[in-house]
Amino acid sequence: MTTRRKFSREFKLEAVRLVKEQDISVAEILALKKEIRKLKAARDILKKDGASSSVPAGVPGG
């Protein structure tokens, strides 16, 4: 049995807005959300390890 993915109301409203206003497909929105989730996970790992302090100035997170 597969479980259904759950999306917040905010995400759904933003997805509809993007599809209508910017001609972005739902598949593209889901791909972007997946990439954002990966980036947030990587950021959290860097923060946890203290590695973000070694990021050069001018680079996001540094």
N, C-alpha and C. Protein backbone atom coordinates (compact mmCIF):
# COMPACT_ATOMS: atom_id res chain seq x y z
N MET A 1 0.84 -1.18 0.00
CA MET A 1 0.00 0.00 0.00
C MET A 1 0.89 1.24 0.00
N THR A 2 0.60 2.16 -0.87
CA THR A 2 1.37 3.40 -0.93
C THR A 2 0.67 4.48 -0.12
N THR A 3 1.48 5.35 0.44
CA THR A 3 0.90 6.47 1.19
C THR A 3 0.87 7.70 0.29
N ARG A 4 -0.15 8.49 0.46
CA ARG A 4 -0.30 9.71 -0.35
C ARG A 4 0.59 10.80 0.21
N ARG A 5 1.17 11.56 -0.68
CA ARG A 5 1.97 12.69 -0.26
C ARG A 5 1.04 13.80 0.22
N LYS A 6 1.47 14.50 1.26
CA LYS A 6 0.67 15.59 1.81
C LYS A 6 1.40 16.90 1.57
N PHE A 7 0.67 17.88 1.05
CA PHE A 7 1.23 19.19 0.79
C PHE A 7 0.46 20.22 1.60
N SER A 8 1.18 21.20 2.12
CA SER A 8 0.53 22.24 2.91
C SER A 8 -0.37 23.08 2.02
N ARG A 9 -1.33 23.72 2.64
CA ARG A 9 -2.24 24.62 1.90
C ARG A 9 -1.43 25.73 1.23
N GLU A 10 -0.45 26.25 1.96
CA GLU A 10 0.40 27.32 1.42
C GLU A 10 1.11 26.85 0.14
N PHE A 11 1.64 25.63 0.17
CA PHE A 11 2.33 25.10 -1.01
C PHE A 11 1.37 24.96 -2.19
N LYS A 12 0.17 24.46 -1.92
CA LYS A 12 -0.81 24.27 -2.99
C LYS A 12 -1.21 25.60 -3.62
N LEU A 13 -1.45 26.60 -2.79
CA LEU A 13 -1.82 27.91 -3.31
C LEU A 13 -0.70 28.52 -4.14
N GLU A 14 0.53 28.39 -3.66
CA GLU A 14 1.67 28.92 -4.40
C GLU A 14 1.86 28.16 -5.72
N ALA A 15 1.64 26.86 -5.71
CA ALA A 15 1.75 26.07 -6.93
C ALA A 15 0.74 26.52 -7.97
N VAL A 16 -0.48 26.74 -7.55
CA VAL A 16 -1.52 27.20 -8.47
C VAL A 16 -1.16 28.57 -9.02
N ARG A 17 -0.68 29.45 -8.16
CA ARG A 17 -0.28 30.79 -8.60
C ARG A 17 0.82 30.70 -9.65
N LEU A 18 1.83 29.87 -9.41
CA LEU A 18 2.93 29.75 -10.36
C LEU A 18 2.46 29.19 -11.69
N VAL A 19 1.61 28.19 -11.65
CA VAL A 19 1.10 27.59 -12.89
C VAL A 19 0.34 28.62 -13.69
N LYS A 20 -0.49 29.40 -13.02
CA LYS A 20 -1.32 30.39 -13.71
C LYS A 20 -0.51 31.58 -14.20
N GLU A 21 0.35 32.12 -13.36
CA GLU A 21 1.03 33.38 -13.66
C GLU A 21 2.33 33.22 -14.43
N GLN A 22 3.05 32.14 -14.19
CA GLN A 22 4.38 32.04 -14.76
C GLN A 22 4.54 30.85 -15.71
N ASP A 23 3.46 30.19 -16.02
CA ASP A 23 3.48 29.08 -16.97
C ASP A 23 4.50 28.01 -16.57
N ILE A 24 4.48 27.63 -15.30
CA ILE A 24 5.34 26.57 -14.79
C ILE A 24 4.47 25.35 -14.55
N SER A 25 4.93 24.19 -14.98
CA SER A 25 4.14 22.99 -14.83
C SER A 25 4.18 22.49 -13.38
N VAL A 26 3.20 21.70 -13.04
CA VAL A 26 3.14 21.12 -11.70
C VAL A 26 4.37 20.25 -11.47
N ALA A 27 4.80 19.51 -12.49
CA ALA A 27 5.99 18.65 -12.38
C ALA A 27 7.23 19.48 -12.04
N GLU A 28 7.35 20.67 -12.67
CA GLU A 28 8.49 21.54 -12.38
C GLU A 28 8.43 22.05 -10.95
N ILE A 29 7.25 22.37 -10.47
CA ILE A 29 7.09 22.85 -9.09
C ILE A 29 7.51 21.76 -8.11
N LEU A 30 7.06 20.52 -8.36
CA LEU A 30 7.42 19.42 -7.47
C LEU A 30 8.93 19.16 -7.51
N ALA A 31 9.54 19.29 -8.68
CA ALA A 31 10.99 19.11 -8.79
C ALA A 31 11.72 20.20 -8.00
N LEU A 32 11.22 21.43 -8.09
CA LEU A 32 11.82 22.52 -7.32
C LEU A 32 11.69 22.29 -5.82
N LYS A 33 10.54 21.81 -5.40
CA LYS A 33 10.33 21.55 -3.98
C LYS A 33 11.31 20.48 -3.49
N LYS A 34 11.52 19.46 -4.32
CA LYS A 34 12.45 18.39 -3.96
C LYS A 34 13.88 18.93 -3.83
N GLU A 35 14.28 19.79 -4.76
CA GLU A 35 15.61 20.38 -4.70
C GLU A 35 15.77 21.29 -3.49
N ILE A 36 14.74 22.06 -3.17
CA ILE A 36 14.78 22.93 -2.00
C ILE A 36 14.94 22.09 -0.73
N ARG A 37 14.22 20.98 -0.66
CA ARG A 37 14.33 20.10 0.50
C ARG A 37 15.75 19.56 0.64
N LYS A 38 16.39 19.18 -0.49
CA LYS A 38 17.77 18.69 -0.46
C LYS A 38 18.73 19.78 0.02
N LEU A 39 18.54 20.99 -0.49
CA LEU A 39 19.40 22.09 -0.09
C LEU A 39 19.26 22.41 1.39
N LYS A 40 18.04 22.38 1.89
CA LYS A 40 17.82 22.63 3.32
C LYS A 40 18.48 21.56 4.17
N ALA A 41 18.40 20.31 3.73
CA ALA A 41 19.03 19.21 4.47
C ALA A 41 20.55 19.39 4.49
N ALA A 42 21.12 19.76 3.34
CA ALA A 42 22.57 19.99 3.27
C ALA A 42 22.98 21.15 4.18
N ARG A 43 22.17 22.21 4.16
CA ARG A 43 22.45 23.37 5.01
C ARG A 43 22.43 22.97 6.48
N ASP A 44 21.44 22.18 6.85
CA ASP A 44 21.33 21.76 8.25
C ASP A 44 22.51 20.89 8.67
N ILE A 45 22.98 20.05 7.76
CA ILE A 45 24.15 19.22 8.07
C ILE A 45 25.38 20.11 8.27
N LEU A 46 25.55 21.09 7.39
CA LEU A 46 26.68 22.00 7.53
C LEU A 46 26.61 22.78 8.84
N LYS A 47 25.43 23.24 9.20
CA LYS A 47 25.28 23.97 10.46
C LYS A 47 25.60 23.06 11.64
N LYS A 48 25.13 21.82 11.58
CA LYS A 48 25.35 20.88 12.68
C LYS A 48 26.83 20.57 12.84
N ASP A 49 27.53 20.41 11.72
CA ASP A 49 28.95 20.07 11.76
C ASP A 49 29.85 21.27 12.01
N GLY A 50 29.28 22.46 11.95
CA GLY A 50 30.07 23.66 12.13
C GLY A 50 30.86 24.04 10.88
N ALA A 51 30.61 23.36 9.80
CA ALA A 51 31.36 23.60 8.56
C ALA A 51 30.98 24.93 7.94
N SER A 52 29.82 25.48 8.28
CA SER A 52 29.40 26.73 7.66
C SER A 52 30.32 27.88 8.05
N SER A 53 31.05 27.73 9.16
CA SER A 53 31.95 28.80 9.56
C SER A 53 33.17 28.86 8.66
N SER A 54 33.42 27.80 7.87
CA SER A 54 34.57 27.81 6.97
C SER A 54 34.21 28.26 5.56
N VAL A 55 32.96 28.68 5.36
CA VAL A 55 32.53 29.17 4.05
C VAL A 55 33.07 30.58 3.87
N PRO A 56 33.68 30.87 2.72
CA PRO A 56 34.26 32.21 2.50
C PRO A 56 33.21 33.31 2.58
N ALA A 57 33.66 34.49 2.95
CA ALA A 57 32.76 35.65 3.01
C ALA A 57 32.21 35.92 1.62
N GLY A 58 30.97 36.34 1.55
CA GLY A 58 30.34 36.64 0.29
C GLY A 58 29.60 35.47 -0.31
N VAL A 59 29.82 34.28 0.23
CA VAL A 59 29.13 33.09 -0.24
C VAL A 59 27.95 32.86 0.70
N PRO A 60 26.76 32.62 0.17
CA PRO A 60 25.62 32.39 1.06
C PRO A 60 25.93 31.35 2.13
N GLY A 61 25.62 31.68 3.35
CA GLY A 61 25.89 30.79 4.46
C GLY A 61 27.22 31.09 5.14
N GLY A 62 27.97 32.04 4.58
CA GLY A 62 29.29 32.34 5.12
C GLY A 62 29.32 33.58 5.93
